[in-house]
Amino acid sequence: MLVRFLRSIAERSPTFVMRMFFNIYPPYFGSGIKVEEISSDYKYLRVRLKLRFYNRNYVGTQFGGSIYSMTDPHFMYLLLNSLGSEYIVWDKAAKIEFLKPGKTDLIAEFRIDDNLLNEIREKTKTGDKFVFDLPVDVFDLNGMKVAELSKTLYVRKKSDKPRQAAT
């Protein structure tokens, strides 16, 4: 019930309000993660991981867990809002490769386009699930790639009829 209530607020709220909620979300706030921009059409989101004394690892660079955290829910969030409430969207898996140490603030940009949305609608129109990967790269302030991620997402169109329990 609480989740439905929060989702209904998110669906009716301008993106600047959701950006504010992301930025006060305790795991983000406490890790130095800040959502800087969400486009009004939900096709773009930019997030920054600030390098702070409390999120450095043993050797003084960005903590790998924080690098992953900065990328965690954003494709799911963009797809949920782009596709609408008749779709189920979940993060299913992720793979991260750290390429070099993060010695500055880090930036990740998430983009979805109409081709992807059309492909999702086509592959799920009969109620089938569609599982696919989306890449996102993390860059330092000098434009050097620090990490490559692949997010695996699950999308299914909600059925009009209730699902039956397996017997």
C-alpha atoms as a PDB file:
ATOM      1  CA  MET A   1       0.000   0.000   0.000  1.00  0.00           C
ATOM      2  CA  LEU A   2       2.796   2.424   0.865  1.00  0.00           C
ATOM      3  CA  VAL A   3       4.592   1.551  -2.387  1.00  0.00           C
ATOM      4  CA  ARG A   4       1.458   2.288  -4.412  1.00  0.00           C
ATOM      5  CA  PHE A   5       1.021   5.590  -2.608  1.00  0.00           C
ATOM      6  CA  LEU A   6       4.642   6.613  -3.234  1.00  0.00           C
ATOM      7  CA  ARG A   7       4.427   5.557  -6.882  1.00  0.00           C
ATOM      8  CA  SER A   8       1.230   7.584  -7.354  1.00  0.00           C
ATOM      9  CA  ILE A   9       3.041  10.636  -5.958  1.00  0.00           C
ATOM     10  CA  ALA A  10       5.988   9.996  -8.281  1.00  0.00           C
ATOM     11  CA  GLU A  11       3.726   9.665 -11.321  1.00  0.00           C
ATOM     12  CA  ARG A  12       2.075  13.023 -10.571  1.00  0.00           C
ATOM     13  CA  SER A  13       5.192  14.914  -9.486  1.00  0.00           C
ATOM     14  CA  PRO A  14       7.383  17.044 -11.709  1.00  0.00           C
ATOM     15  CA  THR A  15      10.870  15.675 -12.232  1.00  0.00           C
ATOM     16  CA  PHE A  16      12.430  18.360 -10.024  1.00  0.00           C
ATOM     17  CA  VAL A  17      10.424  16.987  -7.079  1.00  0.00           C
ATOM     18  CA  MET A  18      11.626  13.445  -7.784  1.00  0.00           C
ATOM     19  CA  ARG A  19      15.184  14.747  -8.105  1.00  0.00           C
ATOM     20  CA  MET A  20      14.798  16.252  -4.636  1.00  0.00           C
ATOM     21  CA  PHE A  21      13.463  12.948  -3.237  1.00  0.00           C
ATOM     22  CA  PHE A  22      16.388  11.037  -4.767  1.00  0.00           C
ATOM     23  CA  ASN A  23      18.799  13.516  -3.214  1.00  0.00           C
ATOM     24  CA  ILE A  24      17.387  13.220   0.309  1.00  0.00           C
ATOM     25  CA  TYR A  25      17.078   9.425   0.099  1.00  0.00           C
ATOM     26  CA  PRO A  26      19.369   8.349   2.982  1.00  0.00           C
ATOM     27  CA  PRO A  27      21.543   5.845   1.065  1.00  0.00           C
ATOM     28  CA  TYR A  28      22.219   8.479  -1.608  1.00  0.00           C
ATOM     29  CA  PHE A  29      22.606  11.413   0.739  1.00  0.00           C
ATOM     30  CA  GLY A  30      24.933   9.434   2.982  1.00  0.00           C
ATOM     31  CA  SER A  31      27.081   8.263   0.081  1.00  0.00           C
ATOM     32  CA  GLY A  32      27.536  11.638  -1.584  1.00  0.00           C
ATOM     33  CA  ILE A  33      25.318  10.696  -4.545  1.00  0.00           C
ATOM     34  CA  LYS A  34      23.318  13.468  -6.171  1.00  0.00           C
ATOM     35  CA  VAL A  35      20.842  13.265  -9.044  1.00  0.00           C
ATOM     36  CA  GLU A  36      21.613  16.436 -10.964  1.00  0.00           C
ATOM     37  CA  GLU A  37      19.114  16.266 -13.805  1.00  0.00           C
ATOM     38  CA  ILE A  38      16.051  14.314 -14.937  1.00  0.00           C
ATOM     39  CA  SER A  39      14.517  15.293 -18.262  1.00  0.00           C
ATOM     40  CA  SER A  40      10.798  16.012 -18.252  1.00  0.00           C
ATOM     41  CA  ASP A  41      10.223  13.187 -20.788  1.00  0.00           C
ATOM     42  CA  TYR A  42      12.063  10.659 -18.554  1.00  0.00           C
ATOM     43  CA  LYS A  43      14.573   9.778 -21.254  1.00  0.00           C
ATOM     44  CA  TYR A  44      17.664  11.216 -19.576  1.00  0.00           C
ATOM     45  CA  LEU A  45      19.093  11.289 -16.066  1.00  0.00           C
ATOM     46  CA  ARG A  46      22.498  12.457 -14.816  1.00  0.00           C
ATOM     47  CA  VAL A  47      23.931  11.509 -11.426  1.00  0.00           C
ATOM     48  CA  ARG A  48      27.114  12.583  -9.638  1.00  0.00           C
ATOM     49  CA  LEU A  49      29.095  10.819  -6.947  1.00  0.00           C
ATOM     50  CA  LYS A  50      30.980  13.421  -4.966  1.00  0.00           C
ATOM     51  CA  LEU A  51      34.379  12.384  -3.630  1.00  0.00           C
ATOM     52  CA  ARG A  52      34.197  12.955   0.111  1.00  0.00           C
ATOM     53  CA  PHE A  53      36.292  11.821   3.059  1.00  0.00           C
ATOM     54  CA  TYR A  54      33.503   9.440   4.090  1.00  0.00           C
ATOM     55  CA  ASN A  55      33.163   7.611   0.759  1.00  0.00           C
ATOM     56  CA  ARG A  56      36.839   7.002   0.000  1.00  0.00           C
ATOM     57  CA  ASN A  57      38.217   3.495   0.171  1.00  0.00           C
ATOM     58  CA  TYR A  58      41.417   2.372   1.888  1.00  0.00           C
ATOM     59  CA  VAL A  59      43.636   3.886  -0.836  1.00  0.00           C
ATOM     60  CA  GLY A  60      41.746   7.201  -1.001  1.00  0.00           C
ATOM     61  CA  THR A  61      39.706   6.696  -4.185  1.00  0.00           C
ATOM     62  CA  GLN A  62      35.978   6.301  -4.784  1.00  0.00           C
ATOM     63  CA  PHE A  63      34.519   3.281  -2.985  1.00  0.00           C
ATOM     64  CA  GLY A  64      33.375   0.667  -5.520  1.00  0.00           C
ATOM     65  CA  GLY A  65      30.083   0.092  -3.714  1.00  0.00           C
ATOM     66  CA  SER A  66      29.249   3.782  -4.023  1.00  0.00           C
ATOM     67  CA  ILE A  67      30.092   3.693  -7.734  1.00  0.00           C
ATOM     68  CA  TYR A  68      27.592   0.887  -8.185  1.00  0.00           C
ATOM     69  CA  SER A  69      25.013   2.576  -5.937  1.00  0.00           C
ATOM     70  CA  MET A  70      25.075   5.723  -8.042  1.00  0.00           C
ATOM     71  CA  THR A  71      23.842   3.644 -10.986  1.00  0.00           C
ATOM     72  CA  ASP A  72      21.371   1.365  -9.240  1.00  0.00           C
ATOM     73  CA  PRO A  73      17.729   2.314  -9.873  1.00  0.00           C
ATOM     74  CA  HIS A  74      17.907   4.842 -12.693  1.00  0.00           C
ATOM     75  CA  PHE A  75      17.117   2.804 -15.809  1.00  0.00           C
ATOM     76  CA  MET A  76      14.245   1.180 -13.920  1.00  0.00           C
ATOM     77  CA  TYR A  77      12.955   4.602 -12.832  1.00  0.00           C
ATOM     78  CA  LEU A  78      13.177   6.052 -16.362  1.00  0.00           C
ATOM     79  CA  LEU A  79      11.462   3.034 -17.923  1.00  0.00           C
ATOM     80  CA  LEU A  80       8.670   2.916 -15.330  1.00  0.00           C
ATOM     81  CA  ASN A  81       7.861   6.547 -16.029  1.00  0.00           C
ATOM     82  CA  SER A  82       8.288   6.329 -19.802  1.00  0.00           C
ATOM     83  CA  LEU A  83       6.204   3.178 -20.240  1.00  0.00           C
ATOM     84  CA  GLY A  84       3.497   3.980 -17.706  1.00  0.00           C
ATOM     85  CA  SER A  85       1.692   2.091 -14.998  1.00  0.00           C
ATOM     86  CA  GLU A  86       0.575  -0.763 -17.262  1.00  0.00           C
ATOM     87  CA  TYR A  87       4.122  -2.166 -17.189  1.00  0.00           C
ATOM     88  CA  ILE A  88       6.165  -3.998 -14.570  1.00  0.00           C
ATOM     89  CA  VAL A  89       9.854  -3.062 -14.593  1.00  0.00           C
ATOM     90  CA  TRP A  90      12.566  -4.566 -12.395  1.00  0.00           C
ATOM     91  CA  ASP A  91      16.318  -4.388 -12.161  1.00  0.00           C
ATOM     92  CA  LYS A  92      17.278  -8.030 -12.541  1.00  0.00           C
ATOM     93  CA  ALA A  93      21.084  -8.024 -12.509  1.00  0.00           C
ATOM     94  CA  ALA A  94      24.147  -5.907 -13.028  1.00  0.00           C
ATOM     95  CA  LYS A  95      27.738  -6.338 -14.030  1.00  0.00           C
ATOM     96  CA  ILE A  96      30.395  -3.756 -13.257  1.00  0.00           C
ATOM     97  CA  GLU A  97      33.970  -3.511 -14.432  1.00  0.00           C
ATOM     98  CA  PHE A  98      36.221  -1.023 -12.687  1.00  0.00           C
ATOM     99  CA  LEU A  99      38.670   0.377 -15.247  1.00  0.00           C
ATOM    100  CA  LYS A 100      40.646   2.865 -13.187  1.00  0.00           C
ATOM    101  CA  PRO A 101      40.490   4.499  -9.761  1.00  0.00           C
ATOM    102  CA  GLY A 102      37.990   7.300  -9.256  1.00  0.00           C
ATOM    103  CA  LYS A 103      40.054  10.198  -7.942  1.00  0.00           C
ATOM    104  CA  THR A 104      37.494  12.984  -8.569  1.00  0.00           C
ATOM    105  CA  ASP A 105      33.729  13.332  -8.498  1.00  0.00           C
ATOM    106  CA  LEU A 106      32.166  10.819 -10.893  1.00  0.00           C
ATOM    107  CA  ILE A 107      29.342  11.267 -13.407  1.00  0.00           C
ATOM    108  CA  ALA A 108      26.978   8.739 -15.009  1.00  0.00           C
ATOM    109  CA  GLU A 109      24.359   9.567 -17.636  1.00  0.00           C
ATOM    110  CA  PHE A 110      21.372   7.358 -18.392  1.00  0.00           C
ATOM    111  CA  ARG A 111      19.573   7.578 -21.722  1.00  0.00           C
ATOM    112  CA  ILE A 112      16.650   5.719 -23.208  1.00  0.00           C
ATOM    113  CA  ASP A 113      15.160   6.440 -26.608  1.00  0.00           C
ATOM    114  CA  ASP A 114      11.976   5.873 -28.580  1.00  0.00           C
ATOM    115  CA  ASN A 115      13.473   2.868 -30.404  1.00  0.00           C
ATOM    116  CA  LEU A 116      14.006   1.069 -27.096  1.00  0.00           C
ATOM    117  CA  LEU A 117      10.528   1.972 -25.841  1.00  0.00           C
ATOM    118  CA  ASN A 118       8.959   0.740 -29.087  1.00  0.00           C
ATOM    119  CA  GLU A 119      10.960  -2.510 -28.909  1.00  0.00           C
ATOM    120  CA  ILE A 120       9.814  -3.076 -25.320  1.00  0.00           C
ATOM    121  CA  ARG A 121       6.169  -2.433 -26.223  1.00  0.00           C
ATOM    122  CA  GLU A 122       6.399  -4.778 -29.216  1.00  0.00           C
ATOM    123  CA  LYS A 123       8.067  -7.628 -27.296  1.00  0.00           C
ATOM    124  CA  THR A 124       5.692  -7.392 -24.318  1.00  0.00           C
ATOM    125  CA  LYS A 125       2.362  -6.703 -26.047  1.00  0.00           C
ATOM    126  CA  THR A 126       1.170 -10.288 -25.553  1.00  0.00           C
ATOM    127  CA  GLY A 127       2.158 -10.341 -21.877  1.00  0.00           C
ATOM    128  CA  ASP A 128       5.556 -11.929 -22.435  1.00  0.00           C
ATOM    129  CA  LYS A 129       8.500 -10.775 -20.389  1.00  0.00           C
ATOM    130  CA  PHE A 130      11.417  -9.018 -22.057  1.00  0.00           C
ATOM    131  CA  VAL A 131      14.833  -9.197 -20.421  1.00  0.00           C
ATOM    132  CA  PHE A 132      17.609  -7.050 -21.853  1.00  0.00           C
ATOM    133  CA  ASP A 133      20.820  -5.256 -20.966  1.00  0.00           C
ATOM    134  CA  LEU A 134      21.505  -1.526 -20.996  1.00  0.00           C
ATOM    135  CA  PRO A 135      25.026  -0.117 -20.699  1.00  0.00           C
ATOM    136  CA  VAL A 136      26.098   2.874 -18.643  1.00  0.00           C
ATOM    137  CA  ASP A 137      29.581   4.274 -18.234  1.00  0.00           C
ATOM    138  CA  VAL A 138      30.946   6.212 -15.285  1.00  0.00           C
ATOM    139  CA  PHE A 139      33.376   9.068 -15.984  1.00  0.00           C
ATOM    140  CA  ASP A 140      35.578  11.227 -13.815  1.00  0.00           C
ATOM    141  CA  LEU A 141      35.641  15.020 -14.129  1.00  0.00           C
ATOM    142  CA  ASN A 142      38.524  14.762 -16.637  1.00  0.00           C
ATOM    143  CA  GLY A 143      36.362  12.704 -19.007  1.00  0.00           C
ATOM    144  CA  MET A 144      38.222   9.452 -18.279  1.00  0.00           C
ATOM    145  CA  LYS A 145      36.092   6.315 -18.093  1.00  0.00           C
ATOM    146  CA  VAL A 146      36.324   4.858 -14.592  1.00  0.00           C
ATOM    147  CA  ALA A 147      33.782   2.012 -14.831  1.00  0.00           C
ATOM    148  CA  GLU A 148      31.549   0.220 -17.313  1.00  0.00           C
ATOM    149  CA  LEU A 149      28.261  -1.251 -16.176  1.00  0.00           C
ATOM    150  CA  SER A 150      25.646  -3.405 -17.787  1.00  0.00           C
ATOM    151  CA  LYS A 151      22.228  -3.354 -16.153  1.00  0.00           C
ATOM    152  CA  THR A 152      19.857  -6.244 -16.882  1.00  0.00           C
ATOM    153  CA  LEU A 153      16.214  -5.185 -16.829  1.00  0.00           C
ATOM    154  CA  TYR A 154      12.995  -7.177 -16.785  1.00  0.00           C
ATOM    155  CA  VAL A 155       9.861  -5.685 -18.349  1.00  0.00           C
ATOM    156  CA  ARG A 156       6.408  -7.202 -18.706  1.00  0.00           C
ATOM    157  CA  LYS A 157       3.064  -5.673 -19.548  1.00  0.00           C
ATOM    158  CA  LYS A 158       0.545  -6.159 -16.773  1.00  0.00           C
ATOM    159  CA  SER A 159      -2.212  -8.607 -17.588  1.00  0.00           C
ATOM    160  CA  ASP A 160      -5.879  -7.730 -17.391  1.00  0.00           C
ATOM    161  CA  LYS A 161      -6.604 -11.114 -15.848  1.00  0.00           C
ATOM    162  CA  PRO A 162      -5.252 -12.163 -12.458  1.00  0.00           C
ATOM    163  CA  ARG A 163      -2.272 -14.525 -12.471  1.00  0.00           C
ATOM    164  CA  GLN A 164      -3.014 -18.018 -11.238  1.00  0.00           C
ATOM    165  CA  ALA A 165      -0.816 -19.672  -8.663  1.00  0.00           C
ATOM    166  CA  ALA A 166       1.319 -22.565  -9.904  1.00  0.00           C
ATOM    167  CA  THR A 167       0.006 -25.961  -8.939  1.00  0.00           C
END
